N, C-alpha and C. Protein backbone atom coordinates (compact mmCIF):
# COMPACT_ATOMS: atom_id res chain seq x y z
N UNK A 1 6.54 10.71 -21.56
CA UNK A 1 6.67 9.76 -20.76
C UNK A 1 5.65 8.65 -20.57
N UNK A 2 6.13 7.56 -19.99
CA UNK A 2 5.27 6.41 -20.29
C UNK A 2 5.06 6.06 -18.92
N UNK A 3 3.98 5.19 -18.30
CA UNK A 3 3.69 4.68 -17.29
C UNK A 3 4.09 3.32 -17.39
N UNK A 4 4.94 2.99 -16.32
CA UNK A 4 5.65 1.89 -16.25
C UNK A 4 5.30 0.81 -15.28
N UNK A 5 4.64 1.31 -14.28
CA UNK A 5 4.18 0.31 -13.06
C UNK A 5 3.12 -0.61 -13.74
N UNK A 6 3.42 -1.89 -13.33
CA UNK A 6 2.75 -2.95 -13.91
C UNK A 6 0.95 -2.49 -13.60
N UNK A 7 0.63 -2.60 -12.28
CA UNK A 7 -0.42 -2.54 -11.84
C UNK A 7 -1.30 -1.01 -11.63
N UNK A 8 -0.68 0.10 -12.20
CA UNK A 8 -1.07 1.24 -12.32
C UNK A 8 -2.28 1.21 -13.32
N UNK A 9 -3.40 2.06 -12.85
CA UNK A 9 -4.39 2.03 -14.15
C UNK A 9 -4.17 2.64 -15.50
N UNK A 10 -3.06 3.24 -15.37
CA UNK A 10 -2.58 3.87 -16.63
C UNK A 10 -1.22 3.45 -17.42
N UNK A 11 -0.97 2.03 -16.90
CA UNK A 11 0.22 1.49 -17.30
C UNK A 11 0.21 1.30 -19.05
N UNK A 12 1.37 1.76 -19.68
CA UNK A 12 1.49 1.75 -20.99
C UNK A 12 1.03 3.03 -21.61
N UNK A 13 0.54 3.63 -21.12
CA UNK A 13 0.08 4.98 -21.85
C UNK A 13 1.14 6.05 -21.73
N UNK A 14 1.03 6.78 -22.54
CA UNK A 14 2.30 7.72 -22.81
C UNK A 14 1.60 9.26 -22.91
N UNK A 15 2.26 10.00 -22.19
CA UNK A 15 1.71 11.61 -21.87
C UNK A 15 2.76 12.63 -22.21
N UNK A 16 2.30 13.53 -22.25
CA UNK A 16 3.30 14.92 -22.70
C UNK A 16 3.84 15.47 -21.05
N UNK A 17 4.82 15.46 -20.66
CA UNK A 17 5.33 16.02 -19.66
C UNK A 17 4.90 17.71 -19.72
N UNK A 18 4.42 17.96 -18.16
CA UNK A 18 4.22 19.47 -18.28
C UNK A 18 5.05 20.02 -17.07
N UNK A 19 5.47 19.30 -16.14
CA UNK A 19 6.35 19.53 -14.86
C UNK A 19 6.74 18.17 -14.40
N UNK A 20 8.05 18.29 -13.84
CA UNK A 20 8.59 17.44 -12.94
C UNK A 20 9.23 17.94 -11.25
N UNK A 21 8.71 17.58 -10.49
CA UNK A 21 9.29 18.11 -9.19
C UNK A 21 9.81 16.79 -8.43
N UNK A 22 11.11 17.03 -7.95
CA UNK A 22 11.77 15.73 -7.17
C UNK A 22 12.29 16.50 -6.04
N UNK A 23 11.97 15.95 -4.90
CA UNK A 23 12.27 16.30 -3.33
C UNK A 23 13.39 15.06 -2.82
N UNK A 24 14.22 15.69 -2.28
CA UNK A 24 15.08 14.56 -1.56
C UNK A 24 14.23 13.82 -0.33
N UNK A 25 13.33 13.92 0.09
CA UNK A 25 12.46 13.18 1.01
C UNK A 25 11.17 12.68 0.49
N UNK A 26 10.95 12.92 -0.65
CA UNK A 26 9.91 12.30 -1.65
C UNK A 26 10.04 11.70 -2.84
N UNK A 27 9.25 10.94 -3.06
CA UNK A 27 9.28 9.87 -4.43
C UNK A 27 9.58 10.93 -5.65
N UNK A 28 8.70 12.26 -5.58
CA UNK A 28 8.83 13.04 -6.61
C UNK A 28 7.58 12.59 -7.44
N UNK A 29 7.24 13.93 -8.43
CA UNK A 29 6.07 13.75 -9.16
C UNK A 29 6.57 14.21 -10.48
N UNK A 30 5.50 13.83 -11.37
CA UNK A 30 5.56 14.39 -12.75
C UNK A 30 4.23 14.66 -13.31
N UNK A 31 3.81 16.32 -13.49
CA UNK A 31 2.34 16.37 -14.11
C UNK A 31 2.36 15.99 -15.46
N UNK A 32 1.61 15.37 -15.92
CA UNK A 32 1.36 15.39 -17.47
C UNK A 32 0.27 15.87 -18.00
N UNK A 33 0.01 16.19 -19.18
CA UNK A 33 -1.26 16.68 -19.89
C UNK A 33 -2.06 15.32 -20.33
N UNK A 34 -3.41 15.55 -19.93
CA UNK A 34 -4.46 14.56 -20.30
C UNK A 34 -5.44 14.97 -20.82
N UNK A 35 -5.70 14.88 -22.14
CA UNK A 35 -6.70 15.56 -23.07
C UNK A 35 -6.47 16.91 -23.01
N UNK A 36 -7.25 17.81 -22.97
CA UNK A 36 -6.88 19.39 -23.36
C UNK A 36 -6.65 19.75 -22.11
N UNK A 37 -7.93 20.01 -21.14
CA UNK A 37 -7.56 20.78 -19.96
C UNK A 37 -6.91 20.04 -18.66
N UNK A 38 -7.07 18.65 -18.72
CA UNK A 38 -6.67 18.24 -17.52
C UNK A 38 -5.13 17.90 -17.45
N UNK A 39 -4.92 17.91 -16.12
CA UNK A 39 -3.67 17.27 -15.75
C UNK A 39 -3.49 16.36 -14.65
N UNK A 40 -2.58 15.45 -14.94
CA UNK A 40 -2.35 14.35 -14.19
C UNK A 40 -1.15 14.41 -13.30
N UNK A 41 -0.89 14.07 -11.89
CA UNK A 41 0.04 14.26 -11.24
C UNK A 41 0.27 12.61 -10.76
N UNK A 42 1.54 12.10 -11.62
CA UNK A 42 1.68 10.81 -11.09
C UNK A 42 3.08 10.66 -10.55
N UNK A 43 3.27 9.60 -9.61
CA UNK A 43 4.93 9.55 -8.83
C UNK A 43 5.82 8.93 -10.15
N UNK A 44 6.82 9.43 -9.82
CA UNK A 44 8.02 9.35 -10.67
C UNK A 44 8.08 7.97 -10.83
N UNK A 45 8.36 7.15 -9.71
CA UNK A 45 8.56 5.72 -9.78
C UNK A 45 7.53 4.95 -10.83
N UNK A 46 6.64 5.43 -10.91
CA UNK A 46 5.43 4.73 -11.74
C UNK A 46 5.86 4.80 -13.13
N UNK A 47 6.86 5.91 -13.68
CA UNK A 47 7.22 6.07 -14.90
C UNK A 47 8.57 5.72 -15.46
N UNK A 48 8.55 5.80 -16.57
CA UNK A 48 9.99 5.74 -17.26
C UNK A 48 11.09 6.73 -16.86
N UNK A 49 10.72 7.72 -15.93
CA UNK A 49 11.61 8.72 -15.84
C UNK A 49 12.44 8.26 -14.65
N UNK A 50 12.04 7.17 -13.83
CA UNK A 50 12.65 6.84 -12.85
C UNK A 50 13.66 5.94 -13.04
N UNK A 51 14.49 5.66 -12.22
CA UNK A 51 15.76 4.95 -12.59
C UNK A 51 15.53 3.59 -12.07
N UNK A 52 16.17 2.69 -12.55
CA UNK A 52 15.80 1.16 -12.36
C UNK A 52 15.68 0.77 -10.82
N UNK A 53 16.58 1.44 -10.23
CA UNK A 53 16.85 1.26 -8.94
C UNK A 53 15.96 1.83 -8.03
N UNK A 54 15.11 2.91 -8.44
CA UNK A 54 14.12 3.35 -7.43
C UNK A 54 12.72 3.20 -7.96
N UNK A 55 12.41 2.07 -8.83
CA UNK A 55 11.33 1.81 -9.34
C UNK A 55 10.16 1.12 -8.11
N UNK A 56 9.12 1.57 -8.30
CA UNK A 56 8.08 0.86 -7.37
C UNK A 56 8.18 -0.54 -7.34
N UNK A 57 7.87 -1.09 -5.87
CA UNK A 57 7.67 -2.68 -5.73
C UNK A 57 6.61 -2.96 -6.65
N UNK A 58 6.75 -4.51 -6.91
CA UNK A 58 5.37 -4.90 -7.44
C UNK A 58 4.24 -5.45 -6.24
N UNK A 59 4.84 -5.39 -5.34
CA UNK A 59 3.69 -5.55 -4.26
C UNK A 59 2.86 -4.26 -3.73
N UNK A 60 1.69 -4.54 -3.44
CA UNK A 60 0.77 -3.33 -2.57
C UNK A 60 0.95 -3.73 -1.19
N UNK A 61 1.79 -4.62 -0.85
CA UNK A 61 2.07 -4.86 0.68
C UNK A 61 3.00 -3.70 1.32
N UNK A 62 2.81 -3.04 2.17
CA UNK A 62 3.63 -1.97 2.86
C UNK A 62 4.65 -2.85 3.56
N UNK A 63 5.63 -2.21 4.39
CA UNK A 63 6.30 -2.81 5.01
C UNK A 63 5.65 -3.09 6.70
N UNK A 64 4.79 -2.03 6.83
CA UNK A 64 4.02 -2.30 8.17
C UNK A 64 2.90 -3.39 7.91
N UNK A 65 2.47 -3.62 6.62
CA UNK A 65 1.62 -4.74 6.75
C UNK A 65 2.42 -6.01 6.80
N UNK A 66 3.50 -6.18 6.14
CA UNK A 66 4.18 -7.29 5.91
C UNK A 66 4.51 -7.69 7.49
N UNK A 67 5.19 -6.43 8.55
CA UNK A 67 5.53 -6.89 9.84
C UNK A 67 4.07 -7.47 10.64
N UNK A 68 2.90 -6.72 10.33
CA UNK A 68 1.85 -6.84 11.03
C UNK A 68 1.40 -8.44 10.59
N UNK A 69 1.60 -8.99 9.41
CA UNK A 69 1.28 -10.17 8.93
C UNK A 69 2.20 -11.24 9.70
N UNK A 70 3.41 -10.96 9.85
CA UNK A 70 4.21 -11.72 10.60
C UNK A 70 4.20 -12.12 11.82
N UNK A 71 3.85 -11.01 12.49
CA UNK A 71 3.35 -11.09 13.90
C UNK A 71 2.27 -11.83 14.16
N UNK A 72 1.51 -12.01 13.16
CA UNK A 72 -0.08 -12.44 13.53
C UNK A 72 0.54 -14.13 13.14
N UNK A 73 1.42 -14.39 12.31
CA UNK A 73 1.71 -15.69 12.08
C UNK A 73 2.49 -16.30 12.97
N UNK A 74 3.32 -15.67 13.80
CA UNK A 74 4.03 -15.87 15.04
C UNK A 74 3.22 -16.22 16.05
N UNK A 75 2.27 -15.62 16.10
CA UNK A 75 1.30 -15.85 17.40
C UNK A 75 0.28 -17.14 17.09
N UNK A 76 0.25 -17.36 16.03
CA UNK A 76 -0.77 -18.62 15.62
C UNK A 76 -0.28 -19.89 15.87
N UNK A 77 -1.33 -20.67 16.24
CA UNK A 77 -1.01 -22.05 16.47
C UNK A 77 -0.95 -22.96 15.23
N UNK A 78 -0.40 -23.90 15.04
CA UNK A 78 0.21 -24.59 13.83
C UNK A 78 -0.79 -25.29 13.43
N UNK A 79 -1.26 -25.53 12.21
CA UNK A 79 -2.18 -26.39 11.61
C UNK A 79 -2.06 -27.82 11.87
N UNK A 80 -3.38 -28.34 12.14
CA UNK A 80 -3.02 -29.77 12.77
C UNK A 80 -2.96 -30.67 11.66
N UNK A 81 -2.12 -31.70 12.00
CA UNK A 81 -1.53 -32.70 11.00
C UNK A 81 -2.94 -33.56 10.50
N UNK A 82 -3.26 -33.75 9.08
CA UNK A 82 -4.32 -34.68 8.86
C UNK A 82 -4.00 -36.23 9.29
């Protein structure tokens, strides 16, 4: 399994899969072997195990953050013309 999410710290690294858990209401996670005794839990959408339609967005903005930002923009006054 390879980490494919561009901003993930492990992007491009390949790991051996220990287990995969998928839940209908969750993104699902894959547990991978890292070094000898360490196990890492990664979201499936950040890996090549994800279908292309469910990949994580490239933005770090959540929908709540976007709505909040747009509300602030709507409240603001226009910039003065030079």
